Amino acid sequence: MNGFFLRTLITILGLLLASAIIPGVEIHGTGSVIFAAVLLGLVNGFVRPVAFLLTLPITILTLGLFLFILNAAMFGLVAAMLDNFVVAGFWSAIFGSLIVSLTSTVASWYIGPDGRIDVIVVRR
């Protein structure tokens, strides 16, 4: 359960960073940011795998570049579900999803599978 809360906090950080950096991404209210992070996790957990399987031929033809569009579509889907989360257009969705993905990836380097922060010390 700790892993869920930690990953949700990381997604919140990514959403706040995207709304601060990308001009077309706006999130109003603390509750909206929290709900958007949880909803983004649910959409990525349930809708994205189905969409990935349906678009697998296009993904193969584009050598994986279509995954950027798929991530932007999931980002835009969450924005369409919430009133206080606005994504202005296609490029805002692409760059916003890229910021959230990069934030989650970098943070996942330090989080173990059970949700604890792992620190590896190498002594010579």
N, C-alpha and C. Protein backbone atom coordinates (compact mmCIF):
# COMPACT_ATOMS: atom_id res chain seq x y z
N MET A 1 0.81 -1.19 0.00
CA MET A 1 0.00 0.00 0.00
C MET A 1 0.86 1.26 0.00
N ASN A 2 2.06 1.18 0.63
CA ASN A 2 2.95 2.33 0.63
C ASN A 2 3.40 2.67 -0.79
N GLY A 3 3.61 1.64 -1.62
CA GLY A 3 4.03 1.87 -2.99
C GLY A 3 3.00 2.64 -3.79
N PHE A 4 1.71 2.35 -3.55
CA PHE A 4 0.65 3.06 -4.25
C PHE A 4 0.68 4.54 -3.90
N PHE A 5 0.79 4.86 -2.62
CA PHE A 5 0.81 6.27 -2.20
C PHE A 5 2.05 6.98 -2.69
N LEU A 6 3.18 6.31 -2.66
CA LEU A 6 4.42 6.93 -3.12
C LEU A 6 4.38 7.19 -4.62
N ARG A 7 3.87 6.24 -5.38
CA ARG A 7 3.77 6.44 -6.83
C ARG A 7 2.72 7.50 -7.18
N THR A 8 1.66 7.59 -6.38
CA THR A 8 0.67 8.65 -6.59
C THR A 8 1.28 10.02 -6.31
N LEU A 9 2.09 10.12 -5.26
CA LEU A 9 2.78 11.38 -4.98
C LEU A 9 3.74 11.77 -6.10
N ILE A 10 4.39 10.78 -6.68
CA ILE A 10 5.30 11.05 -7.80
C ILE A 10 4.51 11.53 -9.01
N THR A 11 3.35 10.93 -9.26
CA THR A 11 2.51 11.38 -10.37
C THR A 11 1.99 12.78 -10.11
N ILE A 12 1.66 13.09 -8.87
CA ILE A 12 1.23 14.46 -8.53
C ILE A 12 2.36 15.44 -8.82
N LEU A 13 3.57 15.07 -8.44
CA LEU A 13 4.73 15.93 -8.73
C LEU A 13 4.90 16.13 -10.24
N GLY A 14 4.75 15.05 -11.00
CA GLY A 14 4.86 15.16 -12.46
C GLY A 14 3.78 16.03 -13.05
N LEU A 15 2.56 15.92 -12.56
CA LEU A 15 1.47 16.76 -13.06
C LEU A 15 1.69 18.23 -12.71
N LEU A 16 2.16 18.50 -11.49
CA LEU A 16 2.45 19.89 -11.11
C LEU A 16 3.59 20.45 -11.94
N LEU A 17 4.60 19.63 -12.20
CA LEU A 17 5.72 20.06 -13.03
C LEU A 17 5.27 20.33 -14.46
N ALA A 18 4.41 19.47 -14.99
CA ALA A 18 3.90 19.66 -16.35
C ALA A 18 3.06 20.93 -16.44
N SER A 19 2.24 21.19 -15.41
CA SER A 19 1.41 22.39 -15.45
C SER A 19 2.24 23.66 -15.29
N ALA A 20 3.40 23.55 -14.64
CA ALA A 20 4.27 24.71 -14.48
C ALA A 20 5.11 24.98 -15.73
N ILE A 21 5.49 23.91 -16.43
CA ILE A 21 6.41 24.06 -17.57
C ILE A 21 5.67 24.23 -18.90
N ILE A 22 4.65 23.42 -19.14
CA ILE A 22 3.96 23.39 -20.44
C ILE A 22 2.86 24.44 -20.44
N PRO A 23 2.87 25.36 -21.42
CA PRO A 23 1.87 26.43 -21.42
C PRO A 23 0.43 25.96 -21.58
N GLY A 24 0.16 24.87 -22.26
CA GLY A 24 -1.21 24.45 -22.52
C GLY A 24 -1.81 23.52 -21.48
N VAL A 25 -1.05 23.20 -20.42
CA VAL A 25 -1.53 22.29 -19.38
C VAL A 25 -1.80 23.11 -18.11
N GLU A 26 -3.06 23.06 -17.64
CA GLU A 26 -3.44 23.80 -16.44
C GLU A 26 -4.24 22.90 -15.51
N ILE A 27 -3.88 22.92 -14.24
CA ILE A 27 -4.63 22.18 -13.22
C ILE A 27 -4.94 23.16 -12.11
N HIS A 28 -6.22 23.29 -11.78
CA HIS A 28 -6.66 24.23 -10.75
C HIS A 28 -7.15 23.47 -9.53
N GLY A 29 -6.52 23.69 -8.40
CA GLY A 29 -6.98 23.11 -7.15
C GLY A 29 -6.18 21.89 -6.74
N THR A 30 -5.96 21.77 -5.45
CA THR A 30 -5.20 20.65 -4.91
C THR A 30 -5.95 19.33 -5.08
N GLY A 31 -7.25 19.35 -4.83
CA GLY A 31 -8.05 18.14 -4.99
C GLY A 31 -8.06 17.65 -6.42
N SER A 32 -8.05 18.58 -7.36
CA SER A 32 -8.02 18.19 -8.77
C SER A 32 -6.72 17.51 -9.14
N VAL A 33 -5.62 17.98 -8.58
CA VAL A 33 -4.32 17.38 -8.87
C VAL A 33 -4.27 15.96 -8.30
N ILE A 34 -4.76 15.78 -7.08
CA ILE A 34 -4.75 14.46 -6.46
C ILE A 34 -5.66 13.51 -7.24
N PHE A 35 -6.86 13.97 -7.57
CA PHE A 35 -7.80 13.13 -8.31
C PHE A 35 -7.28 12.82 -9.71
N ALA A 36 -6.61 13.78 -10.35
CA ALA A 36 -6.03 13.55 -11.68
C ALA A 36 -4.92 12.50 -11.62
N ALA A 37 -4.11 12.52 -10.56
CA ALA A 37 -3.04 11.53 -10.42
C ALA A 37 -3.60 10.14 -10.23
N VAL A 38 -4.62 10.01 -9.39
CA VAL A 38 -5.24 8.70 -9.16
C VAL A 38 -5.92 8.22 -10.44
N LEU A 39 -6.63 9.12 -11.10
CA LEU A 39 -7.33 8.76 -12.34
C LEU A 39 -6.35 8.41 -13.45
N LEU A 40 -5.21 9.10 -13.50
CA LEU A 40 -4.19 8.76 -14.50
C LEU A 40 -3.62 7.37 -14.25
N GLY A 41 -3.44 7.03 -12.99
CA GLY A 41 -2.98 5.68 -12.66
C GLY A 41 -3.99 4.62 -13.06
N LEU A 42 -5.28 4.89 -12.81
CA LEU A 42 -6.32 3.94 -13.20
C LEU A 42 -6.44 3.80 -14.71
N VAL A 43 -6.37 4.92 -15.41
CA VAL A 43 -6.45 4.89 -16.88
C VAL A 43 -5.26 4.15 -17.46
N ASN A 44 -4.07 4.40 -16.91
CA ASN A 44 -2.87 3.69 -17.40
C ASN A 44 -2.90 2.22 -17.03
N GLY A 45 -3.63 1.87 -15.99
CA GLY A 45 -3.70 0.48 -15.57
C GLY A 45 -4.74 -0.34 -16.31
N PHE A 46 -5.84 0.30 -16.72
CA PHE A 46 -6.94 -0.46 -17.33
C PHE A 46 -7.18 -0.13 -18.80
N VAL A 47 -7.17 1.14 -19.17
CA VAL A 47 -7.49 1.54 -20.55
C VAL A 47 -6.28 1.41 -21.46
N ARG A 48 -5.11 1.83 -20.98
CA ARG A 48 -3.92 1.83 -21.83
C ARG A 48 -3.53 0.45 -22.36
N PRO A 49 -3.59 -0.64 -21.54
CA PRO A 49 -3.24 -1.94 -22.11
C PRO A 49 -4.16 -2.38 -23.25
N VAL A 50 -5.44 -2.07 -23.14
CA VAL A 50 -6.39 -2.41 -24.22
C VAL A 50 -6.08 -1.58 -25.45
N ALA A 51 -5.85 -0.28 -25.25
CA ALA A 51 -5.51 0.59 -26.39
C ALA A 51 -4.18 0.18 -27.02
N PHE A 52 -3.25 -0.27 -26.19
CA PHE A 52 -1.96 -0.72 -26.71
C PHE A 52 -2.13 -1.94 -27.61
N LEU A 53 -2.93 -2.89 -27.17
CA LEU A 53 -3.15 -4.09 -27.99
C LEU A 53 -3.88 -3.76 -29.29
N LEU A 54 -4.83 -2.84 -29.23
CA LEU A 54 -5.55 -2.48 -30.45
C LEU A 54 -4.68 -1.71 -31.45
N THR A 55 -3.71 -0.98 -30.96
CA THR A 55 -2.85 -0.18 -31.84
C THR A 55 -1.47 -0.80 -32.05
N LEU A 56 -1.32 -2.07 -31.70
CA LEU A 56 -0.02 -2.73 -31.83
C LEU A 56 0.53 -2.73 -33.26
N PRO A 57 -0.28 -2.95 -34.29
CA PRO A 57 0.28 -2.89 -35.65
C PRO A 57 0.84 -1.51 -36.01
N ILE A 58 0.16 -0.45 -35.59
CA ILE A 58 0.65 0.91 -35.86
C ILE A 58 1.94 1.16 -35.07
N THR A 59 1.98 0.67 -33.84
CA THR A 59 3.17 0.84 -33.02
C THR A 59 4.37 0.13 -33.64
N ILE A 60 4.15 -1.04 -34.18
CA ILE A 60 5.23 -1.77 -34.83
C ILE A 60 5.69 -1.05 -36.10
N LEU A 61 4.73 -0.56 -36.89
CA LEU A 61 5.08 0.15 -38.12
C LEU A 61 5.87 1.43 -37.86
N THR A 62 5.56 2.11 -36.76
CA THR A 62 6.25 3.36 -36.45
C THR A 62 7.45 3.15 -35.54
N LEU A 63 7.82 1.89 -35.33
CA LEU A 63 8.96 1.52 -34.50
C LEU A 63 8.84 2.06 -33.07
N GLY A 64 7.62 2.06 -32.55
CA GLY A 64 7.37 2.46 -31.17
C GLY A 64 7.06 3.92 -30.96
N LEU A 65 7.16 4.74 -31.99
CA LEU A 65 6.89 6.16 -31.83
C LEU A 65 5.41 6.46 -31.57
N PHE A 66 4.54 5.54 -31.95
CA PHE A 66 3.10 5.73 -31.71
C PHE A 66 2.79 5.70 -30.22
N LEU A 67 3.67 5.15 -29.41
CA LEU A 67 3.44 5.11 -27.96
C LEU A 67 3.39 6.51 -27.36
N PHE A 68 4.10 7.48 -27.97
CA PHE A 68 4.00 8.86 -27.51
C PHE A 68 2.57 9.38 -27.71
N ILE A 69 1.98 9.04 -28.84
CA ILE A 69 0.60 9.46 -29.11
C ILE A 69 -0.37 8.75 -28.18
N LEU A 70 -0.11 7.49 -27.90
CA LEU A 70 -0.96 6.74 -26.98
C LEU A 70 -0.90 7.32 -25.57
N ASN A 71 0.30 7.68 -25.11
CA ASN A 71 0.44 8.32 -23.80
C ASN A 71 -0.26 9.67 -23.77
N ALA A 72 -0.14 10.43 -24.84
CA ALA A 72 -0.82 11.73 -24.91
C ALA A 72 -2.34 11.55 -24.91
N ALA A 73 -2.81 10.48 -25.54
CA ALA A 73 -4.25 10.21 -25.55
C ALA A 73 -4.75 9.88 -24.15
N MET A 74 -3.98 9.12 -23.39
CA MET A 74 -4.37 8.81 -22.01
C MET A 74 -4.34 10.07 -21.14
N PHE A 75 -3.36 10.92 -21.37
CA PHE A 75 -3.26 12.20 -20.66
C PHE A 75 -4.46 13.09 -21.00
N GLY A 76 -4.81 13.14 -22.27
CA GLY A 76 -5.97 13.93 -22.70
C GLY A 76 -7.28 13.34 -22.22
N LEU A 77 -7.35 12.01 -22.12
CA LEU A 77 -8.57 11.37 -21.61
C LEU A 77 -8.82 11.75 -20.16
N VAL A 78 -7.78 11.78 -19.37
CA VAL A 78 -7.93 12.20 -17.97
C VAL A 78 -8.33 13.66 -17.90
N ALA A 79 -7.76 14.49 -18.77
CA ALA A 79 -8.12 15.91 -18.79
C ALA A 79 -9.58 16.09 -19.22
N ALA A 80 -10.06 15.23 -20.11
CA ALA A 80 -11.45 15.33 -20.54
C ALA A 80 -12.43 14.90 -19.45
N MET A 81 -11.98 14.06 -18.54
CA MET A 81 -12.85 13.59 -17.46
C MET A 81 -12.96 14.59 -16.31
N LEU A 82 -11.99 15.48 -16.17
CA LEU A 82 -11.98 16.43 -15.06
C LEU A 82 -12.21 17.85 -15.56
N ASP A 83 -12.98 18.61 -14.80
CA ASP A 83 -13.27 19.99 -15.19
C ASP A 83 -12.10 20.93 -14.93
N ASN A 84 -11.36 20.71 -13.86
CA ASN A 84 -10.28 21.63 -13.48
C ASN A 84 -8.93 21.24 -14.05
N PHE A 85 -8.91 20.31 -14.98
CA PHE A 85 -7.69 19.87 -15.64
C PHE A 85 -7.86 20.14 -17.13
N VAL A 86 -7.07 21.08 -17.64
CA VAL A 86 -7.23 21.52 -19.03
C VAL A 86 -5.95 21.24 -19.80
N VAL A 87 -6.10 20.59 -20.95
CA VAL A 87 -5.00 20.40 -21.89
C VAL A 87 -5.42 21.09 -23.18
N ALA A 88 -4.62 22.07 -23.62
CA ALA A 88 -5.02 22.95 -24.71
C ALA A 88 -5.04 22.27 -26.07
N GLY A 89 -4.16 21.33 -26.32
CA GLY A 89 -4.11 20.73 -27.64
C GLY A 89 -3.23 19.50 -27.68
N PHE A 90 -2.96 19.06 -28.91
CA PHE A 90 -2.20 17.85 -29.13
C PHE A 90 -0.78 17.96 -28.59
N TRP A 91 -0.08 19.03 -28.92
CA TRP A 91 1.31 19.16 -28.50
C TRP A 91 1.43 19.36 -27.00
N SER A 92 0.46 20.03 -26.41
CA SER A 92 0.46 20.16 -24.95
C SER A 92 0.28 18.80 -24.29
N ALA A 93 -0.56 17.95 -24.87
CA ALA A 93 -0.76 16.60 -24.34
C ALA A 93 0.50 15.76 -24.52
N ILE A 94 1.16 15.89 -25.65
CA ILE A 94 2.41 15.14 -25.90
C ILE A 94 3.47 15.54 -24.87
N PHE A 95 3.71 16.84 -24.74
CA PHE A 95 4.76 17.29 -23.83
C PHE A 95 4.38 17.08 -22.36
N GLY A 96 3.10 17.25 -22.03
CA GLY A 96 2.65 17.00 -20.66
C GLY A 96 2.82 15.55 -20.27
N SER A 97 2.43 14.64 -21.15
CA SER A 97 2.61 13.21 -20.84
C SER A 97 4.08 12.84 -20.80
N LEU A 98 4.90 13.50 -21.59
CA LEU A 98 6.34 13.24 -21.57
C LEU A 98 6.95 13.68 -20.23
N ILE A 99 6.53 14.82 -19.71
CA ILE A 99 7.04 15.31 -18.42
C ILE A 99 6.63 14.35 -17.30
N VAL A 100 5.35 13.92 -17.30
CA VAL A 100 4.87 13.00 -16.26
C VAL A 100 5.60 11.66 -16.36
N SER A 101 5.81 11.18 -17.58
CA SER A 101 6.52 9.91 -17.77
C SER A 101 7.97 9.99 -17.32
N LEU A 102 8.64 11.07 -17.65
CA LEU A 102 10.04 11.23 -17.23
C LEU A 102 10.16 11.34 -15.72
N THR A 103 9.25 12.07 -15.10
CA THR A 103 9.26 12.19 -13.64
C THR A 103 9.06 10.83 -12.99
N SER A 104 8.10 10.07 -13.50
CA SER A 104 7.83 8.74 -12.94
C SER A 104 8.99 7.79 -13.17
N THR A 105 9.62 7.87 -14.32
CA THR A 105 10.75 6.99 -14.64
C THR A 105 11.94 7.27 -13.73
N VAL A 106 12.28 8.54 -13.59
CA VAL A 106 13.43 8.89 -12.74
C VAL A 106 13.16 8.50 -11.28
N ALA A 107 11.95 8.73 -10.81
CA ALA A 107 11.62 8.38 -9.43
C ALA A 107 11.59 6.86 -9.24
N SER A 108 11.20 6.12 -10.26
CA SER A 108 11.13 4.66 -10.15
C SER A 108 12.51 4.02 -10.05
N TRP A 109 13.54 4.73 -10.45
CA TRP A 109 14.90 4.22 -10.30
C TRP A 109 15.24 4.02 -8.83
N TYR A 110 14.62 4.80 -7.95
CA TYR A 110 14.95 4.78 -6.53
C TYR A 110 13.92 4.07 -5.67
N ILE A 111 12.86 3.57 -6.28
CA ILE A 111 11.79 2.92 -5.52
C ILE A 111 11.81 1.44 -5.84
N GLY A 112 11.83 0.62 -4.80
CA GLY A 112 11.82 -0.83 -4.97
C GLY A 112 10.43 -1.34 -5.26
N PRO A 113 10.28 -2.62 -5.52
CA PRO A 113 8.98 -3.19 -5.86
C PRO A 113 7.97 -3.15 -4.71
N ASP A 114 8.43 -3.06 -3.47
CA ASP A 114 7.51 -3.01 -2.35
C ASP A 114 7.16 -1.58 -1.94
N GLY A 115 7.65 -0.58 -2.66
CA GLY A 115 7.30 0.80 -2.39
C GLY A 115 8.27 1.53 -1.48
N ARG A 116 9.32 0.88 -1.04
CA ARG A 116 10.31 1.56 -0.21
C ARG A 116 11.38 2.18 -1.08
N ILE A 117 11.96 3.24 -0.56
CA ILE A 117 13.05 3.90 -1.28
C ILE A 117 14.32 3.09 -1.06
N ASP A 118 14.94 2.67 -2.14
CA ASP A 118 16.14 1.84 -2.08
C ASP A 118 17.37 2.70 -2.33
N VAL A 119 18.35 2.55 -1.47
CA VAL A 119 19.63 3.23 -1.64
C VAL A 119 20.69 2.15 -1.69
N ILE A 120 21.47 2.17 -2.74
CA ILE A 120 22.54 1.19 -2.90
C ILE A 120 23.87 1.88 -2.63
N VAL A 121 24.61 1.33 -1.70
CA VAL A 121 25.90 1.88 -1.33
C VAL A 121 26.98 0.92 -1.83
N VAL A 122 27.91 1.44 -2.59
CA VAL A 122 29.01 0.64 -3.11
C VAL A 122 30.27 1.08 -2.39
N ARG A 123 30.90 0.13 -1.71
CA ARG A 123 32.15 0.42 -1.00
C ARG A 123 33.30 -0.28 -1.72
N ARG A 124 34.40 0.42 -1.83
CA ARG A 124 35.56 -0.16 -2.51
C ARG A 124 36.68 -0.36 -1.53
